[in-house]
Protein backbone atom coordinates (compact mmCIF):
# COMPACT_ATOMS: atom_id res chain seq x y z
CA MET A 1 19.50 -4.11 -5.09
CA PHE A 2 18.23 -1.37 -6.69
CA VAL A 3 15.94 -0.56 -9.93
CA THR A 4 17.69 2.42 -11.39
CA SER A 5 16.60 5.08 -13.90
CA GLY A 6 18.72 8.25 -13.92
CA SER A 7 18.70 9.71 -10.57
CA THR A 8 15.77 7.39 -9.55
CA LYS A 9 16.23 4.49 -7.35
CA LEU A 10 13.65 2.12 -6.37
CA HIS A 11 15.00 -0.10 -3.44
CA TYR A 12 14.37 -3.94 -2.96
CA GLN A 13 15.51 -6.99 -1.01
CA VAL A 14 14.84 -10.68 -2.10
CA TYR A 15 14.09 -13.39 0.37
CA GLY A 16 13.98 -17.01 -0.64
CA ARG A 17 14.55 -18.68 -4.35
CA GLY A 18 11.39 -20.67 -5.08
CA PRO A 19 9.83 -20.81 -8.13
CA ARG A 20 6.68 -18.63 -7.84
CA VAL A 21 7.67 -15.04 -7.42
CA LEU A 22 5.81 -12.38 -5.20
CA LEU A 23 6.39 -8.43 -4.89
CA ALA A 24 5.59 -7.01 -1.56
CA PHE A 25 5.11 -3.12 -1.06
CA HIS A 26 4.61 -2.11 2.43
CA GLY A 27 2.49 0.61 4.19
CA TYR A 28 2.76 4.14 5.02
CA GLY A 29 5.81 4.72 7.82
CA GLN A 30 7.13 1.53 6.75
CA SER A 31 9.87 -0.28 4.79
CA GLU A 32 10.68 -3.12 2.86
CA SER A 33 12.15 -4.83 6.31
CA HIS A 34 8.34 -5.18 8.01
CA TRP A 35 7.95 -8.04 5.54
CA ARG A 36 10.34 -10.26 7.70
CA THR A 37 7.58 -11.09 9.80
CA LEU A 38 5.87 -12.95 6.69
CA VAL A 39 9.05 -14.51 5.57
CA ASN A 40 8.93 -18.07 7.48
CA GLN A 41 4.77 -18.34 6.39
CA ILE A 42 5.64 -17.74 2.91
CA GLY A 43 7.26 -21.00 2.24
CA ASP A 44 10.07 -22.33 0.42
CA GLN A 45 8.34 -22.24 -2.83
CA VAL A 46 8.33 -18.51 -3.15
CA THR A 47 11.31 -16.06 -4.23
CA LEU A 48 9.68 -12.90 -2.58
CA TYR A 49 10.74 -9.55 -3.54
CA THR A 50 9.95 -6.44 -1.12
CA PHE A 51 9.85 -3.19 -2.27
CA ASP A 52 10.86 0.51 -0.20
CA LEU A 53 7.87 3.18 -1.19
CA PHE A 54 9.36 6.27 -2.18
CA TYR A 55 10.03 9.01 0.55
CA HIS A 56 10.43 5.31 2.71
CA GLY A 57 13.86 3.27 3.44
CA ARG A 58 16.27 3.33 0.31
CA SER A 59 14.12 4.33 -2.51
CA GLN A 60 14.42 8.12 -4.19
CA LEU A 61 13.01 9.80 -6.95
CA ALA A 62 14.92 12.12 -9.34
CA LYS A 63 12.26 14.96 -8.45
CA ALA A 64 11.18 14.15 -4.95
CA ASP A 65 8.28 17.10 -5.02
CA ALA A 66 6.83 15.83 -8.51
CA PRO A 67 3.59 13.18 -8.80
CA LEU A 68 4.48 10.06 -9.39
CA ARG A 69 2.66 8.90 -12.05
CA LYS A 70 1.59 5.56 -13.37
CA PRO A 71 2.75 5.17 -16.67
CA ARG A 72 6.16 6.07 -15.03
CA LEU A 73 5.81 3.52 -12.13
CA GLY A 74 5.04 0.87 -14.95
CA GLU A 75 8.25 1.92 -16.72
CA LEU A 76 10.15 1.48 -13.57
CA MET A 77 8.51 -2.10 -13.10
CA GLU A 78 9.14 -2.96 -16.17
CA GLN A 79 12.56 -2.76 -15.97
CA PHE A 80 13.06 -4.64 -12.77
CA LEU A 81 10.69 -7.84 -13.92
CA VAL A 82 13.20 -7.78 -17.32
CA ASP A 83 16.59 -7.13 -15.00
CA ASN A 84 15.43 -9.89 -12.78
CA ASN A 85 13.65 -12.19 -15.81
CA ILE A 86 10.30 -12.43 -14.38
CA SER A 87 7.16 -13.43 -16.71
CA HIS A 88 4.51 -13.73 -13.90
CA PHE A 89 4.28 -12.48 -10.14
CA GLY A 90 1.93 -12.66 -7.32
CA LEU A 91 1.30 -8.84 -5.88
CA LEU A 92 1.20 -8.58 -1.90
CA ALA A 93 0.28 -4.99 -0.14
CA PHE A 94 -0.36 -3.41 2.83
CA SER A 95 -2.22 0.06 3.35
CA MET A 96 -0.65 2.56 1.04
CA GLY A 97 1.78 -0.21 -0.68
CA ALA A 98 -1.84 -1.39 -2.19
CA LYS A 99 -1.85 2.00 -4.56
CA PHE A 100 1.41 0.14 -6.09
CA ALA A 101 0.60 -3.44 -6.31
CA LEU A 102 -3.03 -2.18 -8.26
CA VAL A 103 -0.98 -0.17 -10.65
CA LEU A 104 0.84 -3.15 -11.54
CA ALA A 105 -2.66 -5.20 -11.44
CA GLU A 106 -3.65 -2.72 -14.08
CA LEU A 107 -1.02 -2.43 -16.23
CA PHE A 108 0.12 -5.96 -16.44
CA PRO A 109 -3.11 -7.93 -16.08
CA GLU A 110 -1.93 -11.14 -17.86
CA ARG A 111 1.00 -11.33 -15.76
CA VAL A 112 -0.24 -11.28 -12.30
CA GLN A 113 -1.33 -14.49 -10.90
CA GLN A 114 -2.53 -13.57 -7.60
CA LEU A 115 -2.92 -10.76 -5.03
CA TRP A 116 -2.99 -10.80 -1.50
CA LEU A 117 -4.33 -7.41 0.00
CA ILE A 118 -3.84 -6.40 3.70
CA ALA A 119 -6.28 -3.48 4.63
CA PRO A 120 -5.79 -2.23 1.28
CA ASP A 121 -5.63 2.18 0.26
CA GLY A 122 -6.33 3.26 -3.02
CA ILE A 123 -10.05 1.57 -3.56
CA LYS A 124 -11.96 3.52 -1.28
CA THR A 125 -11.08 7.31 -1.10
CA GLN A 126 -11.06 8.35 2.22
CA PHE A 127 -12.51 11.80 3.00
CA TRP A 128 -9.69 13.57 4.70
CA TYR A 129 -7.11 12.53 2.23
CA SER A 130 -9.08 13.84 -0.40
CA LEU A 131 -9.69 17.19 1.27
CA ALA A 132 -5.93 17.40 2.12
CA THR A 133 -4.88 16.43 -1.28
CA TYR A 134 -6.89 17.55 -4.28
CA PRO A 135 -7.42 21.22 -3.76
CA PRO A 136 -4.26 23.23 -4.65
CA TRP A 137 -4.85 25.49 -1.49
CA MET A 138 -5.05 22.41 0.98
CA ARG A 139 -1.90 20.81 -0.53
CA GLY A 140 -0.11 24.58 0.38
CA VAL A 141 -1.67 24.32 3.82
CA LEU A 142 -0.05 20.71 4.68
CA GLY A 143 3.07 21.89 3.08
CA ARG A 144 3.27 24.72 5.46
CA ALA A 145 2.86 22.42 8.52
CA VAL A 146 5.92 20.68 7.79
CA LEU A 147 7.66 23.45 9.23
CA ARG A 148 4.86 24.85 11.67
CA PRO A 149 2.47 22.22 12.53
CA GLN A 150 0.84 23.92 15.82
CA ARG A 151 -2.12 24.65 13.91
CA LEU A 152 -2.43 21.63 12.00
CA LEU A 153 -2.51 19.95 15.13
CA ARG A 154 -4.64 22.03 17.26
CA PHE A 155 -7.52 21.61 14.46
CA ILE A 156 -6.89 17.91 14.62
CA ASP A 157 -7.23 17.89 18.58
CA ARG A 158 -10.47 20.06 18.13
CA LEU A 159 -11.86 17.32 15.67
CA ALA A 160 -11.09 14.69 18.19
CA GLU A 161 -12.81 17.07 21.16
CA ARG A 162 -16.23 17.15 19.07
CA ARG A 163 -16.06 13.63 18.01
CA ILE A 164 -15.92 14.66 14.60
CA VAL A 165 -12.77 12.05 13.84
CA ASP A 166 -12.27 8.88 15.72
CA TYR A 167 -9.86 9.38 18.49
CA GLY A 168 -7.73 6.14 17.16
CA LEU A 169 -7.54 8.29 14.14
CA VAL A 170 -6.47 11.11 15.81
CA ARG A 171 -3.74 9.49 17.94
CA PHE A 172 -2.53 8.09 14.18
CA ALA A 173 -2.26 11.55 13.05
CA GLN A 174 -0.71 12.98 15.79
CA TRP A 175 2.20 9.71 15.79
CA GLN A 176 2.73 11.07 12.40
CA LEU A 177 3.43 14.30 12.68
CA ASP A 178 5.60 14.33 15.58
CA SER A 179 9.05 15.26 13.76
CA ARG A 180 9.66 17.19 10.96
CA GLU A 181 11.13 13.91 8.86
CA LYS A 182 7.24 12.34 9.62
CA ARG A 183 5.79 15.30 8.85
CA LEU A 184 7.84 15.85 5.34
CA ARG A 185 7.18 12.15 4.34
CA VAL A 186 3.20 12.72 5.58
CA TYR A 187 3.22 15.54 3.14
CA ARG A 188 5.14 14.15 0.17
CA SER A 189 3.81 10.56 0.11
CA TRP A 190 0.08 12.21 0.10
CA THR A 191 0.19 14.56 -2.25
CA ASN A 192 2.90 12.75 -4.75
CA PHE A 193 1.12 9.46 -4.75
CA ARG A 194 -2.23 11.33 -5.31
CA LEU A 195 -2.10 10.59 -9.03
CA LEU A 196 -2.07 6.58 -7.82
CA THR A 197 -6.01 6.20 -8.61
CA PHE A 198 -8.23 3.67 -10.09
CA ASP A 199 -11.36 3.67 -11.96
CA LEU A 200 -13.03 0.44 -9.67
CA ARG A 201 -15.26 -0.62 -12.93
CA ARG A 202 -12.35 -1.01 -14.69
CA LEU A 203 -10.10 -2.53 -12.48
CA THR A 204 -12.92 -5.04 -11.64
CA ALA A 205 -13.30 -5.76 -15.04
CA THR A 206 -9.39 -6.04 -15.46
CA LEU A 207 -9.43 -8.38 -12.37
CA ASN A 208 -12.83 -10.45 -13.02
CA GLN A 209 -11.55 -11.12 -16.95
CA GLN A 210 -9.13 -14.42 -15.82
CA PRO A 211 -10.48 -14.27 -13.22
CA THR A 212 -7.37 -13.14 -10.70
CA PRO A 213 -7.76 -14.26 -6.85
CA VAL A 214 -8.11 -11.72 -4.82
CA THR A 215 -7.49 -12.45 -0.74
CA PHE A 216 -8.14 -9.17 1.55
CA PHE A 217 -6.92 -9.65 4.93
CA LEU A 218 -9.00 -6.83 7.28
CA GLY A 219 -8.91 -5.46 10.35
CA LYS A 220 -12.46 -5.51 12.29
CA HIS A 221 -11.08 -2.64 14.28
CA ASP A 222 -8.88 -0.92 11.64
CA LYS A 223 -10.08 2.94 11.63
CA VAL A 224 -7.89 3.99 9.10
CA ILE A 225 -9.24 1.89 6.16
CA PRO A 226 -12.49 0.42 7.51
CA HIS A 227 -13.38 -3.13 6.29
CA THR A 228 -16.91 -2.02 5.62
CA GLY A 229 -15.99 0.50 2.79
CA LEU A 230 -14.58 -2.06 1.26
CA GLN A 231 -17.42 -4.87 0.85
CA ALA A 232 -18.91 -3.35 -2.74
CA PHE A 233 -15.59 -3.42 -4.38
CA ILE A 234 -14.94 -7.32 -2.92
CA ALA A 235 -18.83 -8.17 -3.37
CA SER A 236 -17.96 -7.15 -7.53
CA LEU A 237 -15.11 -9.45 -7.98
CA GLY A 238 -15.70 -13.61 -9.25
CA ALA A 239 -12.40 -14.80 -7.07
CA ALA A 240 -12.55 -12.70 -3.86
CA HIS A 241 -11.73 -14.14 -0.40
CA THR A 242 -11.76 -12.11 2.96
CA VAL A 243 -10.20 -12.88 5.96
CA LEU A 244 -11.16 -10.55 8.71
CA LEU A 245 -8.84 -10.38 11.92
CA ASP A 246 -9.70 -9.19 15.55
CA THR A 247 -7.27 -6.04 15.05
CA GLY A 248 -6.50 -2.57 14.11
CA HIS A 249 -4.63 -1.24 11.40
CA ALA A 250 -1.18 -1.17 13.12
CA GLY A 251 -1.15 -4.38 14.04
CA LEU A 252 -2.60 -6.12 10.77
CA ILE A 253 0.85 -7.34 9.67
CA TYR A 254 1.56 -9.48 12.58
CA GLU A 255 -1.91 -10.85 12.79
CA VAL A 256 -1.57 -11.85 9.38
CA ALA A 257 1.52 -13.66 10.02
CA ALA A 258 -0.14 -15.08 13.08
CA TYR A 259 -3.21 -16.53 10.99
CA LEU A 260 -1.14 -18.01 8.06
CA ARG A 261 1.13 -19.83 11.03
CA ARG A 262 -2.24 -21.71 11.84
CA HIS A 263 -3.99 -21.28 8.24
CA PRO A 264 -0.83 -22.19 5.70
CA GLU A 265 -3.21 -23.06 2.97
CA GLU A 266 -3.92 -19.55 2.44
CA TRP A 267 -0.54 -19.19 0.26
CA ARG A 268 -2.22 -21.46 -1.97
CA TRP A 269 -1.49 -20.13 -5.34
CA ALA A 270 -4.11 -20.76 -8.35
CA ALA A 271 -2.96 -23.15 -10.73
């Protein structure tokens, strides 16, 4: 199924028919199908809508190389809510997908009932992401690397050799750059989602106004979204709960699914 606006198509799939509505946004390099791991744990009280982020799966932006702005994303999601007759909903997101979920929390605060965030991106801006996306000249370097990645890969190797960057992060970067298709997706995702940012004080105030319950699933060994970098934001929320799992970044969704099999009460919704 699609939300369509001109040539823009936001693809989503539906699982279940329960009275509670949950909107899910996957991480970088994934698709909506990655949420199938959690479908059985969510239960029969939930209707789960899983979205393909742009540049992933079947979703397409009309202007593939133009930055996605929060008002535009809000318009598309408002159309989705009207099309599906949804008044209130929860949000589930992993890594980069949290940028999409947090935009909805910011734009529709009175309609968001609860959030489950798995290693959320968009809260603590990573140094390397800022370096690669905000200076225009660095965006040019990243763009040229789509066709000629050798210099960038050698640079990443040197960072690892000098222990400036954790080796696990280097391996993650090398895997994401090992084909032209992947490099183009990195370039477009990093540069064109760069405007999905948040004033954390305002976001905290928005979430605390209700207050909106937020559950964080974080990895003890996550080098991509380190749990230590999120502690200040989590502490600022009035209804936050943290589950720290013994895993890194890539395995988090599977570890969350295993955890929820043992602790189904984590899916209890606020009254």
